[in-house]
Amino acid sequence: MTRGAYRRFLVPGLSTLVMLAVLIGLGTWQVYRLHWKERILAQIAAAETKPPVPLTPAHALPPYSKVAATGRFRFDRAVAFGAEVRDTNGGPTLGTYQIVPLERDGDRPVLVNRGWIPQKRTAPLDEPAGTVAVAGYLRPGDRAGWFSAADDPAARQFFTLDPAAIGAAVNIPGLEPFVLVAIGAPGPYPIPAEHLPRPPN
């Protein structure tokens, strides 16, 4: 092969080798991610069969632990979080999540995501008085990013689930840095989560 012909084949050959290495790397990463997700799904499935553990400080429990907490809801300090369209008997309906501080004796208050409620409804919300027990899982708090929708603290409408920002807006300092997402059976509004979150497989 002449030097000119060698040069003509050198660049395409090197490009092919680079693309082959990239494809092999992507394939290996996909397999790794699949195994990781399968382990997570197995851990979540095992956790759901166990009873919730008492809620302790954030550093003592990993995110998405199944927990239970007792306290009194402060419905006068409730806020709306996010926006989600769900299929209902009346068709697709826009709604938000109700976030309510739960005051606990001897422990820091914690925000509870009680579930989804439609913006337009005729039935009143289920808002129990007195001491209540809440079971669910821990969700880490968020921080607003470049593309996050702007919160409206005055209207108590939030799109970033930041306990510190929500606590400042409703004048409840010292909130735990995570959110307790309530789990329960569908019933009166709000509609809680039905199970622990699962990454798409």
Protein backbone atom coordinates (compact mmCIF):
# COMPACT_ATOMS: atom_id res chain seq x y z
CA MET A 1 0.00 0.00 0.00
CA THR A 2 1.36 3.41 -0.93
CA ARG A 3 1.85 6.16 1.60
CA GLY A 4 -1.05 8.15 0.09
CA ALA A 5 -3.42 5.21 0.33
CA TYR A 6 -2.27 4.56 3.91
CA ARG A 7 -3.11 8.14 4.87
CA ARG A 8 -6.55 7.88 3.26
CA PHE A 9 -7.42 4.87 5.42
CA LEU A 10 -5.78 6.12 8.63
CA VAL A 11 -8.41 8.70 9.66
CA PRO A 12 -11.46 6.51 8.90
CA GLY A 13 -9.81 3.62 10.71
CA LEU A 14 -9.06 5.66 13.81
CA SER A 15 -12.61 7.10 13.76
CA THR A 16 -14.04 3.59 13.62
CA LEU A 17 -11.93 2.50 16.59
CA VAL A 18 -13.02 5.53 18.62
CA MET A 19 -16.71 4.94 17.82
CA LEU A 20 -16.34 1.26 18.69
CA ALA A 21 -14.82 2.16 22.06
CA VAL A 22 -17.63 4.64 22.75
CA LEU A 23 -20.32 2.08 21.89
CA ILE A 24 -18.72 -0.58 24.08
CA GLY A 25 -18.50 1.93 26.93
CA LEU A 26 -22.14 2.91 26.55
CA GLY A 27 -23.23 -0.71 26.45
CA THR A 28 -21.25 -1.49 29.61
CA TRP A 29 -22.75 1.55 31.37
CA GLN A 30 -26.27 0.50 30.39
CA VAL A 31 -25.74 -2.98 31.83
CA TYR A 32 -24.32 -1.50 35.02
CA ARG A 33 -27.29 0.86 35.34
CA LEU A 34 -29.72 -2.02 34.80
CA HIS A 35 -28.14 -4.07 37.58
CA TRP A 36 -28.10 -1.01 39.87
CA LYS A 37 -31.80 -0.34 39.24
CA GLU A 38 -32.67 -3.98 39.80
CA ARG A 39 -30.90 -3.88 43.19
CA ILE A 40 -32.74 -0.66 44.12
CA LEU A 41 -36.09 -2.12 43.08
CA ALA A 42 -35.41 -5.24 45.14
CA GLN A 43 -34.48 -3.12 48.19
CA ILE A 44 -37.64 -1.03 47.81
CA ALA A 45 -39.80 -4.14 47.45
CA ALA A 46 -38.26 -5.59 50.61
CA ALA A 47 -38.71 -2.31 52.51
CA GLU A 48 -42.40 -2.14 51.64
CA THR A 49 -43.05 -5.45 53.36
CA LYS A 50 -41.67 -4.12 56.65
CA PRO A 51 -43.39 -1.75 59.08
CA PRO A 52 -42.21 1.89 59.15
CA VAL A 53 -39.57 2.83 61.71
CA PRO A 54 -39.91 5.86 64.00
CA LEU A 55 -38.73 9.07 62.39
CA THR A 56 -35.33 10.15 63.67
CA PRO A 57 -33.00 13.00 62.61
CA ALA A 58 -32.05 13.10 58.94
CA HIS A 59 -28.50 11.87 59.52
CA ALA A 60 -29.76 8.65 61.13
CA LEU A 61 -31.86 7.40 58.20
CA PRO A 62 -31.08 7.19 54.48
CA PRO A 63 -33.33 8.91 51.93
CA TYR A 64 -36.52 7.07 50.98
CA SER A 65 -36.61 5.17 54.27
CA LYS A 66 -40.07 4.03 55.33
CA VAL A 67 -40.91 5.90 58.53
CA ALA A 68 -43.73 6.95 60.86
CA ALA A 69 -44.15 10.21 62.75
CA THR A 70 -46.65 11.52 65.28
CA GLY A 71 -47.67 15.15 65.74
CA ARG A 72 -50.19 17.85 64.98
CA PHE A 73 -50.76 19.28 61.52
CA ARG A 74 -50.57 23.04 61.05
CA PHE A 75 -53.12 23.43 58.28
CA ASP A 76 -53.00 27.19 58.75
CA ARG A 77 -49.43 27.02 57.38
CA ALA A 78 -50.11 24.64 54.46
CA VAL A 79 -48.61 25.33 51.03
CA ALA A 80 -49.17 24.01 47.50
CA PHE A 81 -46.32 22.28 45.71
CA GLY A 82 -45.84 21.61 42.01
CA ALA A 83 -48.44 21.09 39.30
CA GLU A 84 -49.60 17.74 37.96
CA VAL A 85 -52.40 16.67 35.64
CA ARG A 86 -54.20 13.44 36.57
CA ASP A 87 -57.00 11.46 34.99
CA THR A 88 -60.15 11.75 37.11
CA ASN A 89 -63.82 10.88 36.64
CA GLY A 90 -64.24 14.37 35.20
CA GLY A 91 -61.35 13.95 32.76
CA PRO A 92 -57.77 15.29 32.92
CA THR A 93 -57.52 17.57 35.94
CA LEU A 94 -54.76 19.93 37.06
CA GLY A 95 -53.78 19.76 40.70
CA THR A 96 -51.03 20.35 43.24
CA TYR A 97 -49.59 18.60 46.27
CA GLN A 98 -50.56 19.72 49.77
CA ILE A 99 -47.51 20.29 51.99
CA VAL A 100 -48.30 20.74 55.70
CA PRO A 101 -45.93 21.24 58.66
CA LEU A 102 -46.24 18.54 61.33
CA GLU A 103 -45.32 19.77 64.81
CA ARG A 104 -43.86 17.03 67.02
CA ASP A 105 -43.35 17.02 70.78
CA GLY A 106 -39.66 17.12 71.59
CA ASP A 107 -38.57 16.94 67.93
CA ARG A 108 -38.12 19.35 65.07
CA PRO A 109 -41.18 19.95 62.89
CA VAL A 110 -41.24 18.20 59.54
CA LEU A 111 -43.02 19.00 56.29
CA VAL A 112 -45.49 16.33 55.19
CA ASN A 113 -46.52 15.87 51.57
CA ARG A 114 -50.09 14.70 52.21
CA GLY A 115 -50.86 14.07 48.55
CA TRP A 116 -52.45 15.41 45.38
CA ILE A 117 -55.51 17.65 45.32
CA PRO A 118 -57.31 19.05 42.25
CA GLN A 119 -57.39 22.82 41.88
CA LYS A 120 -61.16 22.67 41.33
CA ARG A 121 -63.12 20.44 43.69
CA THR A 122 -66.46 20.38 45.47
CA ALA A 123 -65.63 18.06 48.37
CA PRO A 124 -63.74 19.49 51.38
CA LEU A 125 -60.23 18.32 52.18
CA ASP A 126 -59.65 15.69 54.84
CA GLU A 127 -57.81 17.68 57.52
CA PRO A 128 -57.69 15.74 60.80
CA ALA A 129 -57.40 17.68 64.07
CA GLY A 130 -55.41 16.75 67.14
CA THR A 131 -52.56 14.25 67.30
CA VAL A 132 -52.15 12.11 64.20
CA ALA A 133 -49.79 9.36 63.04
CA VAL A 134 -48.32 9.64 59.55
CA ALA A 135 -46.57 6.81 57.70
CA GLY A 136 -44.56 7.38 54.56
CA TYR A 137 -41.05 7.76 53.21
CA LEU A 138 -38.33 10.40 53.44
CA ARG A 139 -37.66 12.57 50.43
CA PRO A 140 -34.55 14.80 50.47
CA GLY A 141 -35.13 18.52 50.11
CA ASP A 142 -34.45 20.19 46.76
CA ARG A 143 -32.68 23.35 45.69
CA ALA A 144 -33.86 25.59 42.88
CA GLY A 145 -31.94 25.21 39.62
CA TRP A 146 -31.51 27.38 36.54
CA PHE A 147 -34.68 26.05 34.93
CA SER A 148 -36.85 25.76 38.06
CA ALA A 149 -40.19 27.54 37.98
CA ALA A 150 -40.32 30.56 40.27
CA ASP A 151 -41.90 30.04 43.69
CA ASP A 152 -44.60 32.44 44.92
CA PRO A 153 -44.14 32.56 48.72
CA ALA A 154 -46.88 35.18 49.15
CA ALA A 155 -49.42 32.86 47.51
CA ARG A 156 -47.83 29.81 49.19
CA GLN A 157 -47.22 28.16 45.83
CA PHE A 158 -43.88 26.37 45.51
CA PHE A 159 -42.23 24.49 42.67
CA THR A 160 -39.02 23.62 44.53
CA LEU A 161 -39.42 21.40 47.57
CA ASP A 162 -36.99 23.32 49.78
CA PRO A 163 -37.93 22.95 53.49
CA ALA A 164 -35.90 26.00 54.52
CA ALA A 165 -37.59 28.27 51.95
CA ILE A 166 -41.05 26.92 52.77
CA GLY A 167 -40.42 27.27 56.51
CA ALA A 168 -39.37 30.89 56.06
CA ALA A 169 -42.50 31.63 54.00
CA VAL A 170 -44.90 30.20 56.62
CA ASN A 171 -42.86 31.33 59.65
CA ILE A 172 -41.98 27.87 60.99
CA PRO A 173 -38.23 27.79 61.61
CA GLY A 174 -36.13 24.72 62.36
CA LEU A 175 -37.80 22.33 59.93
CA GLU A 176 -36.12 19.02 59.20
CA PRO A 177 -34.17 19.24 55.90
CA PHE A 178 -36.31 16.54 54.28
CA VAL A 179 -39.99 15.92 53.53
CA LEU A 180 -42.14 13.05 54.78
CA VAL A 181 -44.22 11.82 51.83
CA ALA A 182 -47.39 10.20 53.18
CA ILE A 183 -48.34 6.74 51.92
CA GLY A 184 -51.89 5.45 52.07
CA ALA A 185 -54.89 4.13 50.20
CA PRO A 186 -56.77 6.43 47.81
CA GLY A 187 -59.67 8.14 49.52
CA PRO A 188 -60.78 11.70 50.25
CA TYR A 189 -58.53 14.47 49.04
CA PRO A 190 -55.61 14.76 49.29
CA ILE A 191 -54.64 11.49 47.58
CA PRO A 192 -51.39 10.19 49.15
CA ALA A 193 -48.68 8.16 47.47
CA GLU A 194 -49.54 4.46 47.22
CA HIS A 195 -46.02 3.07 47.56
CA LEU A 196 -42.36 3.95 47.77
CA PRO A 197 -40.90 5.62 44.65
CA ARG A 198 -39.35 3.40 42.02
CA PRO A 199 -36.74 4.39 39.42
CA PRO A 200 -37.82 3.48 35.88
CA ASN A 201 -36.33 0.18 34.81
